[in-house]
Protein backbone atom coordinates (compact mmCIF):
# COMPACT_ATOMS: atom_id res chain seq x y z
CA UNK A 1 -20.60 -206.45 128.79
CA UNK A 2 -21.23 -203.18 130.57
CA UNK A 3 -18.32 -201.92 132.79
CA UNK A 4 -18.70 -202.39 136.54
CA UNK A 5 -18.80 -199.23 138.66
CA UNK A 6 -19.17 -198.85 142.40
CA UNK A 7 -19.84 -195.12 142.08
CA UNK A 8 -23.52 -194.10 141.84
CA UNK A 9 -24.46 -192.31 138.62
CA UNK A 10 -24.24 -188.53 138.85
CA UNK A 11 -27.37 -186.41 138.48
CA UNK A 12 -27.71 -184.64 135.09
CA UNK A 13 -26.92 -180.95 135.21
CA UNK A 14 -29.75 -178.45 134.69
CA UNK A 15 -29.23 -176.55 131.42
CA UNK A 16 -28.29 -172.92 131.81
CA UNK A 17 -30.63 -170.69 129.78
CA UNK A 18 -29.46 -167.47 131.32
CA UNK A 19 -27.40 -166.39 128.35
CA UNK A 20 -30.11 -167.05 125.65
CA UNK A 21 -31.56 -163.56 125.81
CA UNK A 22 -28.16 -162.01 125.54
CA UNK A 23 -27.31 -164.28 122.57
CA UNK A 24 -30.49 -163.26 120.72
CA UNK A 25 -29.87 -159.62 121.39
CA UNK A 26 -26.43 -160.04 119.91
CA UNK A 27 -28.00 -161.24 116.60
CA UNK A 28 -30.44 -158.32 116.23
CA UNK A 29 -28.04 -156.13 114.25
CA UNK A 30 -27.66 -158.99 111.70
CA UNK A 31 -31.42 -159.14 110.93
CA UNK A 32 -32.07 -155.45 110.94
CA UNK A 33 -34.01 -154.18 107.92
CA UNK A 34 -31.35 -151.53 107.67
CA UNK A 35 -28.75 -154.24 107.12
CA UNK A 36 -28.11 -155.11 103.38
CA UNK A 37 -27.51 -158.75 104.35
CA UNK A 38 -31.09 -159.02 105.58
CA UNK A 39 -32.41 -158.07 102.17
CA UNK A 40 -30.05 -160.51 100.44
CA UNK A 41 -31.23 -163.40 102.61
CA UNK A 42 -34.90 -162.50 102.10
CA UNK A 43 -34.40 -162.25 98.34
CA UNK A 44 -32.78 -165.69 98.22
CA UNK A 45 -35.62 -167.20 100.29
CA UNK A 46 -38.27 -165.60 98.08
CA UNK A 47 -36.56 -166.89 94.96
CA UNK A 48 -36.52 -170.43 96.34
CA UNK A 49 -40.20 -170.22 97.27
CA UNK A 50 -41.12 -169.02 93.76
CA UNK A 51 -38.97 -171.76 92.20
CA UNK A 52 -40.66 -174.43 94.32
CA UNK A 53 -44.15 -173.17 93.39
CA UNK A 54 -43.20 -173.15 89.69
CA UNK A 55 -41.93 -176.74 89.82
CA UNK A 56 -45.12 -177.93 91.52
CA UNK A 57 -47.22 -176.14 88.93
CA UNK A 58 -45.26 -177.77 86.11
CA UNK A 59 -45.60 -181.24 87.62
CA UNK A 60 -49.35 -180.81 88.05
CA UNK A 61 -49.66 -179.55 84.46
CA UNK A 62 -47.66 -182.55 83.22
CA UNK A 63 -49.91 -184.93 85.16
CA UNK A 64 -53.06 -183.34 83.76
CA UNK A 65 -51.67 -183.44 80.21
CA UNK A 66 -50.58 -187.07 80.65
CA UNK A 67 -53.96 -187.99 82.14
CA UNK A 68 -55.83 -186.27 79.33
CA UNK A 69 -53.56 -187.95 76.77
CA UNK A 70 -54.37 -191.33 78.37
CA UNK A 71 -58.08 -190.57 78.15
CA UNK A 72 -57.67 -189.44 74.54
CA UNK A 73 -55.65 -192.55 73.70
CA UNK A 74 -58.30 -194.82 75.22
CA UNK A 75 -60.98 -193.00 73.29
CA UNK A 76 -58.99 -193.40 70.10
CA UNK A 77 -58.49 -197.12 70.78
CA UNK A 78 -62.23 -197.51 71.34
CA UNK A 79 -62.87 -195.67 68.07
CA UNK A 80 -60.38 -197.89 66.20
CA UNK A 81 -61.95 -201.03 67.69
CA UNK A 82 -65.41 -199.79 66.71
CA UNK A 83 -64.19 -199.07 63.19
CA UNK A 84 -62.63 -202.54 62.92
CA UNK A 85 -65.69 -204.19 64.43
CA UNK A 86 -68.73 -202.13 63.40
CA UNK A 87 -71.00 -205.13 63.95
CA UNK A 88 -69.73 -205.70 67.47
CA UNK A 89 -67.43 -208.11 69.28
CA UNK A 90 -67.57 -211.80 70.20
CA UNK A 91 -66.97 -213.35 73.59
CA UNK A 92 -65.81 -216.98 73.57
CA UNK A 93 -66.92 -219.17 76.46
CA UNK A 94 -64.19 -221.15 78.23
CA UNK A 95 -66.04 -224.45 78.42
CA UNK A 96 -65.13 -227.43 80.59
CA UNK A 97 -62.78 -229.68 78.57
CA UNK A 98 -65.42 -232.38 78.42
CA UNK A 99 -67.09 -230.46 75.58
CA UNK A 100 -64.08 -229.99 73.29
CA UNK A 101 -60.47 -230.73 74.31
CA UNK A 102 -61.20 -234.13 75.84
CA UNK A 103 -62.87 -235.26 72.62
CA UNK A 104 -59.68 -234.46 70.70
CA UNK A 105 -57.44 -236.00 73.36
CA UNK A 106 -59.47 -239.22 73.03
CA UNK A 107 -59.78 -239.01 69.25
CA UNK A 108 -59.13 -242.74 68.85
CA UNK A 109 -62.58 -243.32 70.32
CA UNK A 110 -64.42 -241.16 67.77
CA UNK A 111 -64.62 -243.75 64.99
CA UNK A 112 -65.13 -247.52 65.43
CA UNK A 113 -63.27 -248.39 62.17
CA UNK A 114 -60.33 -246.01 61.76
CA UNK A 115 -58.65 -243.42 63.96
CA UNK A 116 -59.50 -239.84 62.91
CA UNK A 117 -56.64 -238.37 64.96
CA UNK A 118 -54.49 -237.55 61.93
CA UNK A 119 -57.47 -236.00 60.14
CA UNK A 120 -58.12 -233.74 63.15
CA UNK A 121 -54.51 -232.61 63.54
CA UNK A 122 -53.12 -229.18 62.56
CA UNK A 123 -56.05 -227.33 64.18
CA UNK A 124 -58.53 -229.36 62.13
CA UNK A 125 -56.79 -229.04 58.75
CA UNK A 126 -55.37 -232.56 58.86
CA UNK A 127 -52.21 -233.90 57.25
CA UNK A 128 -50.39 -231.87 54.59
CA UNK A 129 -51.45 -232.94 51.08
CA UNK A 130 -47.98 -233.59 49.70
CA UNK A 131 -49.34 -236.04 47.11
CA UNK A 132 -50.83 -233.09 45.21
CA UNK A 133 -47.34 -231.83 44.32
CA UNK A 134 -47.60 -233.35 40.83
CA UNK A 135 -50.99 -231.70 40.20
CA UNK A 136 -50.82 -228.18 41.60
CA UNK A 137 -48.11 -225.45 41.55
CA UNK A 138 -45.20 -226.33 43.85
CA UNK A 139 -45.41 -222.94 45.51
CA UNK A 140 -48.95 -223.74 46.70
CA UNK A 141 -48.42 -227.25 48.08
CA UNK A 142 -48.13 -225.87 51.63
CA UNK A 143 -51.65 -224.44 51.30
CA UNK A 144 -53.22 -227.86 50.78
CA UNK A 145 -54.23 -230.43 53.42
CA UNK A 146 -56.25 -233.62 53.61
CA UNK A 147 -59.01 -231.88 55.57
CA UNK A 148 -61.88 -233.97 56.86
CA UNK A 149 -65.36 -232.76 55.89
CA UNK A 150 -66.47 -232.97 59.55
CA UNK A 151 -63.62 -230.82 61.00
CA UNK A 152 -65.65 -227.59 61.02
CA UNK A 153 -65.84 -227.23 64.81
CA UNK A 154 -62.06 -227.28 65.31
CA UNK A 155 -61.48 -224.84 62.46
CA UNK A 156 -64.01 -222.34 63.80
CA UNK A 157 -62.81 -222.67 67.39
CA UNK A 158 -59.16 -222.02 66.52
CA UNK A 159 -60.07 -219.11 64.27
CA UNK A 160 -62.39 -217.39 66.72
CA UNK A 161 -59.84 -217.53 69.54
CA UNK A 162 -57.69 -215.23 67.39
CA UNK A 163 -60.52 -213.26 65.78
CA UNK A 164 -59.85 -209.53 65.46
CA UNK A 165 -63.25 -208.79 67.04
CA UNK A 166 -62.93 -211.14 69.98
CA UNK A 167 -63.32 -209.55 73.40
CA UNK A 168 -62.26 -210.84 76.79
CA UNK A 169 -64.92 -208.70 78.49
CA UNK A 170 -68.37 -210.31 78.20
CA UNK A 171 -70.19 -207.10 79.11
CA UNK A 172 -68.90 -205.51 75.87
CA UNK A 173 -69.84 -208.44 73.61
CA UNK A 174 -72.53 -208.41 70.95
CA UNK A 175 -72.41 -212.20 70.52
CA UNK A 176 -71.31 -215.22 72.55
CA UNK A 177 -69.65 -218.23 70.90
CA UNK A 178 -70.07 -221.70 72.40
CA UNK A 179 -67.04 -223.86 71.38
CA UNK A 180 -68.80 -227.20 71.82
CA UNK A 181 -67.74 -229.97 69.40
CA UNK A 182 -71.28 -231.26 68.97
CA UNK A 183 -70.56 -233.16 65.76
CA UNK A 184 -67.59 -235.04 67.20
CA UNK A 185 -69.51 -235.74 70.42
CA UNK A 186 -72.42 -237.44 68.65
CA UNK A 187 -70.28 -238.87 65.85
CA UNK A 188 -68.54 -241.30 68.20
CA UNK A 189 -71.90 -243.03 68.76
CA UNK A 190 -73.51 -242.82 65.33
CA UNK A 191 -71.78 -245.93 63.99
CA UNK A 192 -71.36 -247.73 67.28
CA UNK A 193 -73.37 -250.90 67.55
CA UNK A 194 -76.31 -250.61 69.92
CA UNK A 195 -75.59 -247.04 71.05
CA UNK A 196 -78.43 -245.64 73.10
CA UNK A 197 -80.33 -242.40 72.68
CA UNK A 198 -79.01 -241.39 76.10
CA UNK A 199 -75.41 -241.78 74.95
CA UNK A 200 -76.01 -239.74 71.80
CA UNK A 201 -77.69 -236.96 73.81
CA UNK A 202 -75.52 -236.81 76.91
CA UNK A 203 -72.93 -234.21 75.81
CA UNK A 204 -75.52 -231.80 74.44
CA UNK A 205 -77.68 -232.07 77.56
CA UNK A 206 -74.73 -231.33 79.84
CA UNK A 207 -73.63 -228.43 77.64
CA UNK A 208 -77.05 -226.79 77.66
CA UNK A 209 -77.31 -227.18 81.43
CA UNK A 210 -73.94 -225.45 81.77
CA UNK A 211 -74.59 -222.58 79.37
CA UNK A 212 -78.07 -221.80 80.70
CA UNK A 213 -76.50 -221.09 84.09
CA UNK A 214 -74.25 -218.38 82.66
CA UNK A 215 -75.05 -214.75 83.46
CA UNK A 216 -75.03 -213.55 79.87
CA UNK A 217 -77.25 -216.35 78.66
CA UNK A 218 -79.96 -215.27 81.08
CA UNK A 219 -79.81 -211.72 79.70
CA UNK A 220 -81.35 -212.74 76.34
CA UNK A 221 -82.30 -216.38 76.82
CA UNK A 222 -79.65 -217.33 74.24
CA UNK A 223 -80.65 -214.99 71.39
CA UNK A 224 -77.12 -213.62 71.13
CA UNK A 225 -75.37 -217.02 71.33
CA UNK A 226 -74.07 -219.09 68.42
CA UNK A 227 -72.33 -222.38 67.82
CA UNK A 228 -70.72 -224.34 64.97
CA UNK A 229 -71.91 -227.92 64.52
CA UNK A 230 -69.72 -229.95 62.19
CA UNK A 231 -72.35 -232.26 60.74
CA UNK A 232 -75.60 -231.86 58.84
CA UNK A 233 -78.63 -230.54 60.70
CA UNK A 234 -80.45 -233.86 60.46
CA UNK A 235 -77.81 -235.57 62.62
CA UNK A 236 -79.11 -233.45 65.53
CA UNK A 237 -82.85 -233.78 64.89
CA UNK A 238 -83.81 -237.20 66.22
CA UNK A 239 -87.51 -237.38 67.01
CA UNK A 240 -87.68 -240.90 68.43
CA UNK A 241 -85.18 -242.78 70.56
CA UNK A 242 -84.76 -245.54 68.00
CA UNK A 243 -84.02 -243.11 65.15
CA UNK A 244 -80.68 -241.82 63.84
CA UNK A 245 -78.60 -239.12 65.54
CA UNK A 246 -79.14 -236.99 68.61
CA UNK A 247 -82.04 -234.76 69.60
CA UNK A 248 -79.74 -231.83 70.41
CA UNK A 249 -81.50 -229.21 68.27
CA UNK A 250 -84.85 -230.17 69.76
CA UNK A 251 -83.64 -229.80 73.36
CA UNK A 252 -84.80 -227.02 75.63
CA UNK A 253 -82.24 -224.22 75.46
CA UNK A 254 -81.08 -224.85 71.88
CA UNK A 255 -84.12 -223.10 70.40
CA UNK A 256 -82.65 -219.58 70.29
CA UNK A 257 -79.02 -220.44 69.51
CA UNK A 258 -77.82 -219.64 65.97
CA UNK A 259 -76.24 -222.78 64.52
CA UNK A 260 -73.58 -222.92 61.80
CA UNK A 261 -73.91 -226.26 59.99
CA UNK A 262 -72.50 -227.79 56.79
CA UNK A 263 -76.12 -228.49 55.82
CA UNK A 264 -79.06 -226.62 57.31
CA UNK A 265 -82.77 -227.16 57.55
CA UNK A 266 -83.94 -224.41 55.12
CA UNK A 267 -87.10 -223.89 57.18
CA UNK A 268 -85.36 -223.25 60.51
CA UNK A 269 -84.38 -219.60 61.00
CA UNK A 270 -81.60 -220.51 63.45
CA UNK A 271 -79.84 -222.91 61.05
CA UNK A 272 -77.17 -221.30 58.85
CA UNK A 273 -75.53 -223.34 56.09
CA UNK A 274 -71.76 -222.78 55.84
CA UNK A 275 -69.30 -224.30 53.34
CA UNK A 276 -67.88 -227.74 53.94
CA UNK A 277 -64.14 -227.52 54.69
CA UNK A 278 -62.07 -228.22 51.57
CA UNK A 279 -58.35 -228.97 51.42
CA UNK A 280 -57.33 -225.46 50.31
CA UNK A 281 -56.23 -223.22 53.20
CA UNK A 282 -54.39 -220.17 51.81
CA UNK A 283 -52.06 -218.16 54.04
CA UNK A 284 -51.82 -214.94 52.03
CA UNK A 285 -53.61 -212.88 49.41
CA UNK A 286 -50.91 -214.01 47.00
CA UNK A 287 -51.80 -217.68 47.64
CA UNK A 288 -55.39 -216.96 46.62
CA UNK A 289 -54.43 -214.90 43.57
CA UNK A 290 -51.91 -217.49 42.42
CA UNK A 291 -54.46 -220.30 42.77
CA UNK A 292 -57.14 -218.32 40.92
CA UNK A 293 -54.72 -217.68 38.05
CA UNK A 294 -53.80 -221.36 37.97
CA UNK A 295 -57.37 -222.64 37.65
CA UNK A 296 -58.31 -219.80 35.27
CA UNK A 297 -55.54 -220.73 32.83
CA UNK A 298 -55.96 -224.48 33.19
CA UNK A 299 -56.57 -226.29 29.89
CA UNK A 300 -59.74 -228.33 30.37
CA UNK A 301 -59.92 -231.40 28.21
CA UNK A 302 -63.33 -232.73 29.24
CA UNK A 303 -66.79 -231.17 28.91
CA UNK A 304 -68.10 -232.59 32.20
CA UNK A 305 -67.31 -235.10 34.93
CA UNK A 306 -68.86 -237.07 37.74
CA UNK A 307 -66.99 -237.92 40.95
CA UNK A 308 -68.94 -240.18 43.29
CA UNK A 309 -70.38 -243.60 43.97
CA UNK A 310 -73.79 -245.17 43.67
CA UNK A 311 -76.19 -245.31 46.61
CA UNK A 312 -77.77 -248.71 46.17
CA UNK A 313 -79.87 -248.32 49.32
CA UNK A 314 -81.76 -245.42 47.67
CA UNK A 315 -84.70 -246.42 45.52
CA UNK A 316 -84.15 -245.34 41.91
CA UNK A 317 -80.66 -244.14 42.82
CA UNK A 318 -79.97 -241.00 40.79
CA UNK A 319 -76.21 -241.30 41.20
CA UNK A 320 -76.28 -244.66 39.49
CA UNK A 321 -78.20 -243.04 36.64
CA UNK A 322 -75.52 -240.32 36.31
CA UNK A 323 -72.72 -242.88 36.33
CA UNK A 324 -74.36 -244.80 33.49
CA UNK A 325 -75.04 -241.54 31.63
CA UNK A 326 -71.36 -240.60 31.85
CA UNK A 327 -70.15 -244.02 30.78
CA UNK A 328 -72.36 -243.75 27.70
CA UNK A 329 -70.87 -240.32 26.91
CA UNK A 330 -67.25 -241.27 27.56
CA UNK A 331 -65.95 -238.99 24.81
CA UNK A 332 -67.15 -235.91 26.74
CA UNK A 333 -67.60 -237.12 30.35
CA UNK A 334 -64.91 -238.26 32.76
CA UNK A 335 -65.92 -240.64 35.57
CA UNK A 336 -64.23 -241.20 38.89
CA UNK A 337 -66.16 -244.01 40.57
CA UNK A 338 -65.65 -243.61 44.31
CA UNK A 339 -66.90 -247.05 45.28
CA UNK A 340 -65.02 -248.34 48.31
CA UNK A 341 -62.26 -245.96 49.41
CA UNK A 342 -61.05 -244.71 46.04
CA UNK A 343 -61.89 -241.10 46.89
CA UNK A 344 -60.77 -241.01 50.50
CA UNK A 345 -58.36 -238.33 51.68
CA UNK A 346 -54.93 -238.93 50.20
CA UNK A 347 -55.71 -239.21 46.48
CA UNK A 348 -55.00 -236.61 43.81
CA UNK A 349 -57.48 -238.08 41.32
CA UNK A 350 -60.39 -235.96 42.55
CA UNK A 351 -58.48 -232.72 42.03
CA UNK A 352 -57.22 -233.80 38.61
CA UNK A 353 -60.73 -234.72 37.48
CA UNK A 354 -62.20 -231.35 38.48
CA UNK A 355 -59.26 -229.37 37.07
CA UNK A 356 -59.66 -231.07 33.67
CA UNK A 357 -63.44 -230.53 33.35
CA UNK A 358 -65.55 -227.53 32.34
CA UNK A 359 -68.53 -228.76 34.36
CA UNK A 360 -68.95 -231.09 37.35
CA UNK A 361 -72.17 -232.98 38.06
CA UNK A 362 -73.40 -232.46 41.62
CA UNK A 363 -76.35 -234.65 42.60
CA UNK A 364 -77.39 -234.85 46.24
CA UNK A 365 -75.16 -236.88 48.55
CA UNK A 366 -76.33 -239.03 51.46
CA UNK A 367 -78.30 -235.88 52.28
CA UNK A 368 -79.12 -232.93 50.02
CA UNK A 369 -75.58 -231.53 50.09
CA UNK A 370 -72.07 -232.89 49.61
CA UNK A 371 -68.54 -231.62 50.08
CA UNK A 372 -67.81 -232.29 46.41
CA UNK A 373 -69.70 -229.07 45.53
CA UNK A 374 -66.92 -227.01 47.07
CA UNK A 375 -64.05 -229.22 45.86
CA UNK A 376 -65.42 -228.75 42.34
CA UNK A 377 -65.73 -224.96 42.60
CA UNK A 378 -62.31 -224.47 44.22
CA UNK A 379 -60.90 -226.24 41.13
CA UNK A 380 -62.66 -223.70 38.90
CA UNK A 381 -65.16 -226.19 37.50
CA UNK A 382 -68.79 -225.08 37.01
CA UNK A 383 -71.27 -227.06 39.15
CA UNK A 384 -74.35 -228.68 37.64
CA UNK A 385 -77.16 -229.14 40.18
CA UNK A 386 -80.27 -231.34 40.07
CA UNK A 387 -81.83 -230.29 43.40
CA UNK A 388 -82.17 -226.64 44.40
CA UNK A 389 -81.69 -227.63 48.02
CA UNK A 390 -78.18 -228.86 47.20
CA UNK A 391 -76.82 -225.30 47.12
CA UNK A 392 -79.30 -222.51 46.30
CA UNK A 393 -81.31 -222.90 49.52
CA UNK A 394 -78.25 -223.68 51.64
CA UNK A 395 -75.34 -221.30 51.23
CA UNK A 396 -76.90 -217.93 50.38
CA UNK A 397 -74.27 -215.97 52.35
CA UNK A 398 -71.39 -217.54 50.43
CA UNK A 399 -72.51 -218.03 46.83
CA UNK A 400 -73.42 -215.39 44.20
CA UNK A 401 -77.01 -214.20 44.37
CA UNK A 402 -77.81 -215.17 40.77
CA UNK A 403 -77.51 -218.99 40.51
CA UNK A 404 -77.38 -218.90 36.71
CA UNK A 405 -74.24 -216.72 36.85
CA UNK A 406 -72.06 -219.53 38.24
CA UNK A 407 -73.96 -222.82 37.85
CA UNK A 408 -76.32 -224.91 35.72
CA UNK A 409 -79.57 -226.36 36.97
CA UNK A 410 -81.06 -229.40 35.21
CA UNK A 411 -84.28 -230.86 36.55
CA UNK A 412 -83.54 -234.44 37.60
CA UNK A 413 -86.86 -235.65 36.24
CA UNK A 414 -85.85 -234.51 32.78
CA UNK A 415 -82.68 -236.59 33.07
CA UNK A 416 -84.72 -239.56 34.28
CA UNK A 417 -86.98 -239.11 31.25
CA UNK A 418 -84.03 -239.33 28.89
CA UNK A 419 -82.78 -235.74 28.41
CA UNK A 420 -79.11 -235.57 27.45
CA UNK A 421 -76.86 -233.75 29.92
CA UNK A 422 -74.25 -233.47 27.18
CA UNK A 423 -76.70 -231.69 24.88
CA UNK A 424 -77.68 -229.21 27.61
CA UNK A 425 -74.09 -228.34 28.44
CA UNK A 426 -73.01 -228.05 24.81
CA UNK A 427 -75.79 -225.51 24.23
CA UNK A 428 -73.87 -222.86 26.20
CA UNK A 429 -71.54 -220.65 24.18
CA UNK A 430 -67.83 -220.44 24.95
CA UNK A 431 -68.35 -216.86 26.12
CA UNK A 432 -71.06 -217.94 28.58
CA UNK A 433 -68.90 -220.77 29.91
CA UNK A 434 -66.00 -218.38 30.34
CA UNK A 435 -68.23 -215.91 32.17
CA UNK A 436 -69.55 -218.58 34.55
CA UNK A 437 -66.06 -219.87 35.26
CA UNK A 438 -64.89 -216.33 36.01
CA UNK A 439 -67.72 -216.02 38.56
CA UNK A 440 -66.82 -219.34 40.17
CA UNK A 441 -63.13 -218.40 40.43
CA UNK A 442 -63.84 -214.91 41.80
CA UNK A 443 -65.98 -216.53 44.53
CA UNK A 444 -63.28 -218.96 45.75
CA UNK A 445 -62.25 -216.84 48.80
CA UNK A 446 -65.86 -216.98 50.07
CA UNK A 447 -65.89 -220.79 50.31
CA UNK A 448 -62.47 -221.60 51.78
CA UNK A 449 -61.06 -221.36 55.30
CA UNK A 450 -57.77 -219.46 55.55
CA UNK A 451 -54.76 -221.04 57.24
CA UNK A 452 -53.69 -218.26 59.65
CA UNK A 453 -55.72 -218.29 62.84
CA UNK A 454 -56.19 -214.54 62.52
CA UNK A 455 -57.34 -214.80 58.88
CA UNK A 456 -55.94 -212.96 55.86
CA UNK A 457 -55.83 -209.17 56.00
CA UNK A 458 -57.86 -207.67 53.16
CA UNK A 459 -59.70 -210.90 52.30
CA UNK A 460 -62.88 -212.28 53.83
CA UNK A 461 -62.98 -216.06 53.85
CA UNK A 462 -65.89 -218.34 54.76
CA UNK A 463 -65.24 -217.91 58.49
CA UNK A 464 -65.30 -214.09 58.28
CA UNK A 465 -68.51 -214.11 56.25
CA UNK A 466 -70.20 -216.53 58.64
CA UNK A 467 -69.33 -214.66 61.85
CA UNK A 468 -70.16 -211.25 60.39
CA UNK A 469 -73.48 -212.67 59.21
CA UNK A 470 -74.25 -213.89 62.72
CA UNK A 471 -73.34 -210.50 64.23
CA UNK A 472 -75.55 -208.76 61.69
CA UNK A 473 -78.51 -210.99 62.60
CA UNK A 474 -78.01 -210.39 66.31
CA UNK A 475 -77.85 -206.62 65.74
CA UNK A 476 -81.16 -206.91 63.92
CA UNK A 477 -82.65 -208.86 66.81
CA UNK A 478 -81.45 -206.22 69.28
CA UNK A 479 -83.46 -203.63 67.38
CA UNK A 480 -86.59 -205.49 68.32
CA UNK A 481 -86.94 -208.13 65.61
CA UNK A 482 -87.62 -211.62 66.85
CA UNK A 483 -88.37 -214.63 64.68
């Protein structure tokens, strides 16, 4: 509380400036140029001014050097990125979960007979294949999984999210990846009783509506977009509502998208055939080298083998013919009849059969291709084909350019007319067989999908080859070529 006072406040005194002039005059002798102190003070002031100017100059120089270094560093980073990614970079769309994650979260709904959830675990690799421990080197057991043949979409999605040439800036991208699980989306309806064409088409229609509204789609009308589709091309080519599959590939908007499929339509420029996923997912270069040495040195007791089942619903079923042919040549042919579920994921018999055989018979499957082609070759067995569309017209990016260097082709009509497969295979010299096997084994990295999400440094696997191939095609299209 302020103190009480009954006395009025006094008026402030007026300052007395009368002595200022006299005070200044008294200082004049101090600042006289004839006084040595004056020169000392001026010298000190000048020194301080020069020191201040020098410091400012140094700071400015440091800033400029730092700024230039930053510019140089950014330029160097851009150069390094360009060197690592000479074909360009990939932007990955962040799709609504309806098109991928929700399908995995509801994996129990994808198959009416058995849950595929375990098969789709581990980023699409499936359960670890511990039952192979008595067949393969112990040190490589961790590289083997029970991978489902239709898990391609998950494998590609997880790999491309960690791809060395992925960019988060769409304006700098050469290509745009659409992580839509098209195969899983249609697969849930393929074997469902009374599924409608609308159900089988709904996911693809919604996806195409979404992607066509994106800025970078409109720039090229989809020419620089690509997608992986984990089933054969024919599952997406329904012409009539009552027919099999979806009409996804025939929909407006899909026309210009490059499609990676486990079996392509050889006459569609935008279809690219990529290897079926096998169970071998190496983590290091040493894993690959060790496996190659293992299959190279494997003692093979059987001339040829057949792993598969008959297809009674096919007229003049060729598989049945091969089974009978093998049974009649039991001294040189090993048979693994896959009727029922004998060859489902979880058995080591398939691997043992391929490892023990010089050659493996590869007729067409339910379509022209089959996963067994790649299981056979990973085991170092030489494939024998009866249709050129089974491999030669499908996987040109991944297999050697000279079919005769790694495989045998026998016209199926000759077999139907009584030609002996045993006689054909025995006609090849040991040196030729050794040479073909060496080619098959050297090509193993090209047909497998590595375990690390970022791939294996120094080795290109099937994923690397596929994505680089897509980038190369898009670069070609940017130069003016259009199919």
